[in-house]
Structure formats: structure tokens, C-alpha cells
PDB file of N, CA and C in Angstrom:
ATOM      1  N   MET A   1     109.009  92.930  85.798  1.00  0.00           N
ATOM      2  CA  MET A   1     109.783  92.661  86.978  1.00  0.00           C
ATOM      3  C   MET A   1     110.872  93.697  87.191  1.00  0.00           C
ATOM      4  N   GLU A   2     111.458  94.173  86.100  1.00  0.00           N
ATOM      5  CA  GLU A   2     112.575  95.100  86.210  1.00  0.00           C
ATOM      6  C   GLU A   2     112.146  96.563  86.200  1.00  0.00           C
ATOM      7  N   ALA A   3     110.866  96.824  86.068  1.00  0.00           N
ATOM      8  CA  ALA A   3     110.397  98.215  86.009  1.00  0.00           C
ATOM      9  C   ALA A   3     110.718  98.954  87.299  1.00  0.00           C
ATOM     10  N   LEU A   4     110.878 100.261  87.174  1.00  0.00           N
ATOM     11  CA  LEU A   4     111.086 101.091  88.353  1.00  0.00           C
ATOM     12  C   LEU A   4     109.949 100.879  89.334  1.00  0.00           C
ATOM     13  N   ARG A   5     110.267 100.899  90.616  1.00  0.00           N
ATOM     14  CA  ARG A   5     109.220 100.716  91.629  1.00  0.00           C
ATOM     15  C   ARG A   5     109.199 101.875  92.602  1.00  0.00           C
ATOM     16  N   TRP A   6     108.004 102.101  93.091  1.00  0.00           N
ATOM     17  CA  TRP A   6     107.797 103.069  94.165  1.00  0.00           C
ATOM     18  C   TRP A   6     106.908 102.408  95.190  1.00  0.00           C
ATOM     19  N   LEU A   7     106.992 102.898  96.406  1.00  0.00           N
ATOM     20  CA  LEU A   7     106.236 102.310  97.509  1.00  0.00           C
ATOM     21  C   LEU A   7     105.753 103.441  98.401  1.00  0.00           C
ATOM     22  N   PHE A   8     104.465 103.449  98.695  1.00  0.00           N
ATOM     23  CA  PHE A   8     103.901 104.485  99.539  1.00  0.00           C
ATOM     24  C   PHE A   8     103.376 103.889 100.834  1.00  0.00           C
ATOM     25  N   GLY A   9     103.726 104.528 101.940  1.00  0.00           N
ATOM     26  CA  GLY A   9     103.106 104.175 103.199  1.00  0.00           C
ATOM     27  C   GLY A   9     103.895 103.220 104.056  1.00  0.00           C
ATOM     28  N   ARG A  10     103.204 102.746 105.066  1.00  0.00           N
ATOM     29  CA  ARG A  10     103.819 101.877 106.070  1.00  0.00           C
ATOM     30  C   ARG A  10     104.180 100.528 105.483  1.00  0.00           C
ATOM     31  N   MET A  11     105.219  99.957 106.076  1.00  0.00           N
ATOM     32  CA  MET A  11     105.630  98.609 105.673  1.00  0.00           C
ATOM     33  C   MET A  11     106.419  97.962 106.788  1.00  0.00           C
ATOM     34  N   TRP A  12     106.205  96.718 107.011  1.00  0.00           N
ATOM     35  CA  TRP A  12     106.970  95.896 107.934  1.00  0.00           C
ATOM     36  C   TRP A  12     107.261  96.600 109.253  1.00  0.00           C
ATOM     37  N   GLY A  13     106.238  97.177 109.863  1.00  0.00           N
ATOM     38  CA  GLY A  13     106.387  97.798 111.161  1.00  0.00           C
ATOM     39  C   GLY A  13     106.942  99.207 111.139  1.00  0.00           C
ATOM     40  N   ASP A  14     107.264  99.722 109.980  1.00  0.00           N
ATOM     41  CA  ASP A  14     107.772 101.093 109.847  1.00  0.00           C
ATOM     42  C   ASP A  14     106.603 102.059 109.939  1.00  0.00           C
ATOM     43  N   ALA A  15     106.688 103.028 110.833  1.00  0.00           N
ATOM     44  CA  ALA A  15     105.587 103.972 111.033  1.00  0.00           C
ATOM     45  C   ALA A  15     105.539 105.068 109.967  1.00  0.00           C
ATOM     46  N   SER A  16     106.540 105.161 109.129  1.00  0.00           N
ATOM     47  CA  SER A  16     106.614 106.210 108.118  1.00  0.00           C
ATOM     48  C   SER A  16     105.516 106.055 107.067  1.00  0.00           C
ATOM     49  N   ARG A  17     105.009 107.179 106.619  1.00  0.00           N
ATOM     50  CA  ARG A  17     104.073 107.179 105.496  1.00  0.00           C
ATOM     51  C   ARG A  17     104.721 107.856 104.289  1.00  0.00           C
ATOM     52  N   ALA A  18     106.043 107.719 104.199  1.00  0.00           N
ATOM     53  CA  ALA A  18     106.808 108.345 103.125  1.00  0.00           C
ATOM     54  C   ALA A  18     106.589 107.626 101.799  1.00  0.00           C
ATOM     55  N   LEU A  19     106.929 108.311 100.745  1.00  0.00           N
ATOM     56  CA  LEU A  19     106.954 107.737  99.409  1.00  0.00           C
ATOM     57  C   LEU A  19     108.390 107.339  99.127  1.00  0.00           C
ATOM     58  N   ARG A  20     108.614 106.069  98.875  1.00  0.00           N
ATOM     59  CA  ARG A  20     109.957 105.583  98.571  1.00  0.00           C
ATOM     60  C   ARG A  20     110.069 105.372  97.068  1.00  0.00           C
ATOM     61  N   LEU A  21     111.157 105.858  96.509  1.00  0.00           N
ATOM     62  CA  LEU A  21     111.449 105.685  95.088  1.00  0.00           C
ATOM     63  C   LEU A  21     112.765 104.951  94.943  1.00  0.00           C
ATOM     64  N   GLU A  22     112.839 104.029  94.004  1.00  0.00           N
ATOM     65  CA  GLU A  22     114.130 103.420  93.704  1.00  0.00           C
ATOM     66  C   GLU A  22     115.060 104.486  93.148  1.00  0.00           C
ATOM     67  N   GLY A  23     116.339 104.339  93.416  1.00  0.00           N
ATOM     68  CA  GLY A  23     117.326 105.302  92.956  1.00  0.00           C
ATOM     69  C   GLY A  23     117.438 105.407  91.445  1.00  0.00           C
ATOM     70  N   ARG A  24     116.858 104.477  90.715  1.00  0.00           N
ATOM     71  CA  ARG A  24     116.927 104.514  89.258  1.00  0.00           C
ATOM     72  C   ARG A  24     115.973 105.544  88.646  1.00  0.00           C
ATOM     73  N   PHE A  25     115.064 106.107  89.451  1.00  0.00           N
ATOM     74  CA  PHE A  25     114.225 107.195  88.950  1.00  0.00           C
ATOM     75  C   PHE A  25     115.120 108.394  88.645  1.00  0.00           C
ATOM     76  N   ALA A  26     114.750 109.168  87.654  1.00  0.00           N
ATOM     77  CA  ALA A  26     115.496 110.393  87.344  1.00  0.00           C
ATOM     78  C   ALA A  26     115.451 111.316  88.567  1.00  0.00           C
ATOM     79  N   PRO A  27     116.559 111.977  88.881  1.00  0.00           N
ATOM     80  CA  PRO A  27     116.599 112.842  90.068  1.00  0.00           C
ATOM     81  C   PRO A  27     115.519 113.916  90.083  1.00  0.00           C
ATOM     82  N   ASP A  28     115.111 114.391  88.919  1.00  0.00           N
ATOM     83  CA  ASP A  28     114.092 115.445  88.892  1.00  0.00           C
ATOM     84  C   ASP A  28     112.724 114.944  89.337  1.00  0.00           C
ATOM     85  N   VAL A  29     112.494 113.632  89.284  1.00  0.00           N
ATOM     86  CA  VAL A  29     111.209 113.085  89.758  1.00  0.00           C
ATOM     87  C   VAL A  29     111.096 113.289  91.267  1.00  0.00           C
ATOM     88  N   ALA A  30     112.102 112.881  92.010  1.00  0.00           N
ATOM     89  CA  ALA A  30     112.086 113.069  93.470  1.00  0.00           C
ATOM     90  C   ALA A  30     112.045 114.552  93.810  1.00  0.00           C
ATOM     91  N   GLY A  31     112.801 115.356  93.076  1.00  0.00           N
ATOM     92  CA  GLY A  31     112.820 116.789  93.335  1.00  0.00           C
ATOM     93  C   GLY A  31     111.461 117.440  93.144  1.00  0.00           C
ATOM     94  N   GLU A  32     110.787 117.068  92.081  1.00  0.00           N
ATOM     95  CA  GLU A  32     109.456 117.640  91.825  1.00  0.00           C
ATOM     96  C   GLU A  32     108.447 117.184  92.871  1.00  0.00           C
ATOM     97  N   LEU A  33     108.513 115.933  93.273  1.00  0.00           N
ATOM     98  CA  LEU A  33     107.600 115.448  94.318  1.00  0.00           C
ATOM     99  C   LEU A  33     107.855 116.155  95.644  1.00  0.00           C
ATOM    100  N   ARG A  34     109.107 116.383  95.967  1.00  0.00           N
ATOM    101  CA  ARG A  34     109.427 117.132  97.191  1.00  0.00           C
ATOM    102  C   ARG A  34     108.919 118.568  97.096  1.00  0.00           C
ATOM    103  N   ARG A  35     109.070 119.167  95.913  1.00  0.00           N
ATOM    104  CA  ARG A  35     108.578 120.530  95.714  1.00  0.00           C
ATOM    105  C   ARG A  35     107.079 120.607  95.977  1.00  0.00           C
ATOM    106  N   ARG A  36     106.389 119.503  95.674  1.00  0.00           N
ATOM    107  CA  ARG A  36     104.941 119.439  95.905  1.00  0.00           C
ATOM    108  C   ARG A  36     104.616 118.969  97.323  1.00  0.00           C
ATOM    109  N   ARG A  37     105.618 118.978  98.186  1.00  0.00           N
ATOM    110  CA  ARG A  37     105.490 118.702  99.625  1.00  0.00           C
ATOM    111  C   ARG A  37     105.267 117.229  99.982  1.00  0.00           C
ATOM    112  N   HIS A  38     105.701 116.338  99.113  1.00  0.00           N
ATOM    113  CA  HIS A  38     105.658 114.915  99.451  1.00  0.00           C
ATOM    114  C   HIS A  38     106.911 114.567 100.248  1.00  0.00           C
ATOM    115  N   ASP A  39     106.763 113.660 101.186  1.00  0.00           N
ATOM    116  CA  ASP A  39     107.885 113.139 101.962  1.00  0.00           C
ATOM    117  C   ASP A  39     108.490 112.000 101.147  1.00  0.00           C
ATOM    118  N   VAL A  40     109.572 112.290 100.436  1.00  0.00           N
ATOM    119  CA  VAL A  40     110.167 111.331  99.501  1.00  0.00           C
ATOM    120  C   VAL A  40     111.489 110.823 100.057  1.00  0.00           C
ATOM    121  N   HIS A  41     111.659 109.505 100.033  1.00  0.00           N
ATOM    122  CA  HIS A  41     112.923 108.863 100.402  1.00  0.00           C
ATOM    123  C   HIS A  41     113.379 108.066  99.186  1.00  0.00           C
ATOM    124  N   VAL A  42     114.582 108.315  98.736  1.00  0.00           N
ATOM    125  CA  VAL A  42     115.141 107.560  97.614  1.00  0.00           C
ATOM    126  C   VAL A  42     115.959 106.420  98.201  1.00  0.00           C
ATOM    127  N   VAL A  43     115.639 105.204  97.780  1.00  0.00           N
ATOM    128  CA  VAL A  43     116.365 104.019  98.247  1.00  0.00           C
ATOM    129  C   VAL A  43     117.319 103.571  97.151  1.00  0.00           C
ATOM    130  N   GLU A  44     118.206 102.663  97.489  1.00  0.00           N
ATOM    131  CA  GLU A  44     119.207 102.207  96.521  1.00  0.00           C
ATOM    132  C   GLU A  44     118.552 101.556  95.307  1.00  0.00           C
ATOM    133  N   ASP A  45     119.296 101.540  94.213  1.00  0.00           N
ATOM    134  CA  ASP A  45     118.842 100.854  93.002  1.00  0.00           C
ATOM    135  C   ASP A  45     118.581  99.387  93.323  1.00  0.00           C
ATOM    136  N   TRP A  46     117.524  98.840  92.796  1.00  0.00           N
ATOM    137  CA  TRP A  46     117.181  97.428  92.951  1.00  0.00           C
ATOM    138  C   TRP A  46     117.001  97.022  94.415  1.00  0.00           C
ATOM    139  N   SER A  47     116.544  97.925  95.246  1.00  0.00           N
ATOM    140  CA  SER A  47     116.386  97.646  96.672  1.00  0.00           C
ATOM    141  C   SER A  47     115.344  96.561  96.921  1.00  0.00           C
ATOM    142  N   ASP A  48     115.680  95.614  97.801  1.00  0.00           N
ATOM    143  CA  ASP A  48     114.707  94.564  98.123  1.00  0.00           C
ATOM    144  C   ASP A  48     113.591  95.097  99.017  1.00  0.00           C
ATOM    145  N   VAL A  49     113.715  96.329  99.496  1.00  0.00           N
ATOM    146  CA  VAL A  49     112.628  96.981 100.243  1.00  0.00           C
ATOM    147  C   VAL A  49     111.370  97.059  99.370  1.00  0.00           C
ATOM    148  N   MET A  50     111.570  97.101  98.066  1.00  0.00           N
ATOM    149  CA  MET A  50     110.458  97.246  97.129  1.00  0.00           C
ATOM    150  C   MET A  50     109.702  95.945  96.875  1.00  0.00           C
ATOM    151  N   GLY A  51     110.111  94.887  97.527  1.00  0.00           N
ATOM    152  CA  GLY A  51     109.400  93.623  97.392  1.00  0.00           C
ATOM    153  C   GLY A  51     110.091  92.664  96.441  1.00  0.00           C
ATOM    154  N   HIS A  52     109.569  91.470  96.399  1.00  0.00           N
ATOM    155  CA  HIS A  52     110.127  90.398  95.573  1.00  0.00           C
ATOM    156  C   HIS A  52     108.981  89.733  94.827  1.00  0.00           C
ATOM    157  N   ALA A  53     109.264  89.282  93.639  1.00  0.00           N
ATOM    158  CA  ALA A  53     108.220  88.605  92.870  1.00  0.00           C
ATOM    159  C   ALA A  53     108.851  87.654  91.862  1.00  0.00           C
ATOM    160  N   GLN A  54     108.118  86.657  91.540  1.00  0.00           N
ATOM    161  CA  GLN A  54     108.424  85.780  90.417  1.00  0.00           C
ATOM    162  C   GLN A  54     107.107  85.570  89.679  1.00  0.00           C
ATOM    163  N   LEU A  55     107.204  85.260  88.401  1.00  0.00           N
ATOM    164  CA  LEU A  55     105.967  84.978  87.673  1.00  0.00           C
ATOM    165  C   LEU A  55     106.196  83.920  86.626  1.00  0.00           C
ATOM    166  N   ILE A  56     105.123  83.230  86.334  1.00  0.00           N
ATOM    167  CA  ILE A  56     105.097  82.282  85.219  1.00  0.00           C
ATOM    168  C   ILE A  56     103.854  82.593  84.424  1.00  0.00           C
ATOM    169  N   ARG A  57     104.056  82.880  83.147  1.00  0.00           N
ATOM    170  CA  ARG A  57     102.942  83.168  82.254  1.00  0.00           C
ATOM    171  C   ARG A  57     102.764  81.986  81.316  1.00  0.00           C
ATOM    172  N   VAL A  58     101.523  81.579  81.118  1.00  0.00           N
ATOM    173  CA  VAL A  58     101.208  80.492  80.196  1.00  0.00           C
ATOM    174  C   VAL A  58     100.836  81.106  78.856  1.00  0.00           C
ATOM    175  N   ASP A  59     101.635  80.828  77.840  1.00  0.00           N
ATOM    176  CA  ASP A  59     101.398  81.297  76.475  1.00  0.00           C
ATOM    177  C   ASP A  59     100.986  80.119  75.606  1.00  0.00           C
ATOM    178  N   ALA A  60     100.537  80.425  74.433  1.00  0.00           N
ATOM    179  CA  ALA A  60     100.210  79.369  73.470  1.00  0.00           C
ATOM    180  C   ALA A  60     101.450  78.533  73.151  1.00  0.00           C
ATOM    181  N   ASP A  61     102.622  79.148  73.224  1.00  0.00           N
ATOM    182  CA  ASP A  61     103.877  78.457  72.911  1.00  0.00           C
ATOM    183  C   ASP A  61     104.513  77.771  74.115  1.00  0.00           C
ATOM    184  N   GLY A  62     103.922  77.908  75.297  1.00  0.00           N
ATOM    185  CA  GLY A  62     104.495  77.286  76.488  1.00  0.00           C
ATOM    186  C   GLY A  62     104.537  78.254  77.660  1.00  0.00           C
ATOM    187  N   LEU A  63     105.493  78.055  78.531  1.00  0.00           N
ATOM    188  CA  LEU A  63     105.618  78.858  79.747  1.00  0.00           C
ATOM    189  C   LEU A  63     106.734  79.898  79.589  1.00  0.00           C
ATOM    190  N   VAL A  64     106.500  81.064  80.136  1.00  0.00           N
ATOM    191  CA  VAL A  64     107.503  82.125  80.171  1.00  0.00           C
ATOM    192  C   VAL A  64     107.663  82.524  81.629  1.00  0.00           C
ATOM    193  N   GLY A  65     108.898  82.531  82.122  1.00  0.00           N
ATOM    194  CA  GLY A  65     109.125  82.860  83.520  1.00  0.00           C
ATOM    195  C   GLY A  65     109.990  84.094  83.679  1.00  0.00           C
ATOM    196  N   ALA A  66     109.826  84.748  84.808  1.00  0.00           N
ATOM    197  CA  ALA A  66     110.647  85.909  85.153  1.00  0.00           C
ATOM    198  C   ALA A  66     110.876  85.906  86.655  1.00  0.00           C
ATOM    199  N   SER A  67     112.059  86.348  87.050  1.00  0.00           N
ATOM    200  CA  SER A  67     112.403  86.419  88.466  1.00  0.00           C
ATOM    201  C   SER A  67     112.909  87.818  88.778  1.00  0.00           C
ATOM    202  N   ASP A  68     112.485  88.346  89.879  1.00  0.00           N
ATOM    203  CA  ASP A  68     112.812  89.702  90.292  1.00  0.00           C
ATOM    204  C   ASP A  68     114.301  89.838  90.585  1.00  0.00           C
ATOM    205  N   PRO A  69     114.984  90.801  89.959  1.00  0.00           N
ATOM    206  CA  PRO A  69     116.407  90.969  90.233  1.00  0.00           C
ATOM    207  C   PRO A  69     116.697  91.563  91.613  1.00  0.00           C
ATOM    208  N   ARG A  70     115.677  91.930  92.357  1.00  0.00           N
ATOM    209  CA  ARG A  70     115.865  92.523  93.683  1.00  0.00           C
ATOM    210  C   ARG A  70     116.130  91.473  94.762  1.00  0.00           C
ATOM    211  N   ALA A  71     116.006  90.210  94.436  1.00  0.00           N
ATOM    212  CA  ALA A  71     116.158  89.171  95.450  1.00  0.00           C
ATOM    213  C   ALA A  71     116.523  87.850  94.791  1.00  0.00           C
ATOM    214  N   ASP A  72     116.973  86.925  95.625  1.00  0.00           N
ATOM    215  CA  ASP A  72     117.216  85.566  95.127  1.00  0.00           C
ATOM    216  C   ASP A  72     115.867  84.947  94.803  1.00  0.00           C
ATOM    217  N   GLY A  73     115.814  84.160  93.794  1.00  0.00           N
ATOM    218  CA  GLY A  73     114.572  83.494  93.454  1.00  0.00           C
ATOM    219  C   GLY A  73     114.634  82.955  92.049  1.00  0.00           C
ATOM    220  N   ALA A  74     113.647  82.180  91.714  1.00  0.00           N
ATOM    221  CA  ALA A  74     113.550  81.604  90.385  1.00  0.00           C
ATOM    222  C   ALA A  74     112.090  81.330  90.062  1.00  0.00           C
ATOM    223  N   ALA A  75     111.759  81.461  88.802  1.00  0.00           N
ATOM    224  CA  ALA A  75     110.427  81.102  88.330  1.00  0.00           C
ATOM    225  C   ALA A  75     110.577  79.803  87.557  1.00  0.00           C
ATOM    226  N   LEU A  76     110.032  78.734  88.104  1.00  0.00           N
ATOM    227  CA  LEU A  76     110.176  77.402  87.491  1.00  0.00           C
ATOM    228  C   LEU A  76     108.809  76.828  87.164  1.00  0.00           C
ATOM    229  N   GLY A  77     108.718  76.203  86.053  1.00  0.00           N
ATOM    230  CA  GLY A  77     107.458  75.541  85.687  1.00  0.00           C
ATOM    231  C   GLY A  77     107.731  74.471  84.639  1.00  0.00           C
ATOM    232  N   TRP A  78     106.828  73.535  84.539  1.00  0.00           N
ATOM    233  CA  TRP A  78     106.944  72.488  83.522  1.00  0.00           C
ATOM    234  C   TRP A  78     105.606  71.970  83.152  1.00  0.00           C
TER     235      TRP A  78
END
């Protein structure tokens, strides 16, 4: 849930086909992609533009939940 995220292409009516990177990526990653002629936009750290998710995993020991820090939410199970 907390891993760095990237997003390519159109979203929510946006006509851009840019590659969006969270600001937590090392600056040289965006720089190298731009050098290779990619249209790169760096968004703020933990941007909700990158989507929202929650998960519940069923383990032998019970349930394990995680909630995306990019948005309000909770993973609940019983």
C-alpha cells in the first residue's frame, strides 16, 4: 500500500498521456525518464491522484488489513 506509485496515461477525463510519478521517487528517476523523452509530471508525495486502496488478506493466523495512506479509509474484517 505504501510503495511508490506511478501512473501512465489518461485518467478521470484528463486528456494527458503523461507519466506521473509520486514525489517520493528519487529525482534522478524523473530526470532520466525525461532524458529519454518521456512526458513526466511529478506529483506531491502520497498524492490521492494515484488512487486509493484497502485490502484484507486471509492468513492461517487470521486477517491482516492495510489501508492506503493516500486517502481516508479503513480495512475492516471479522
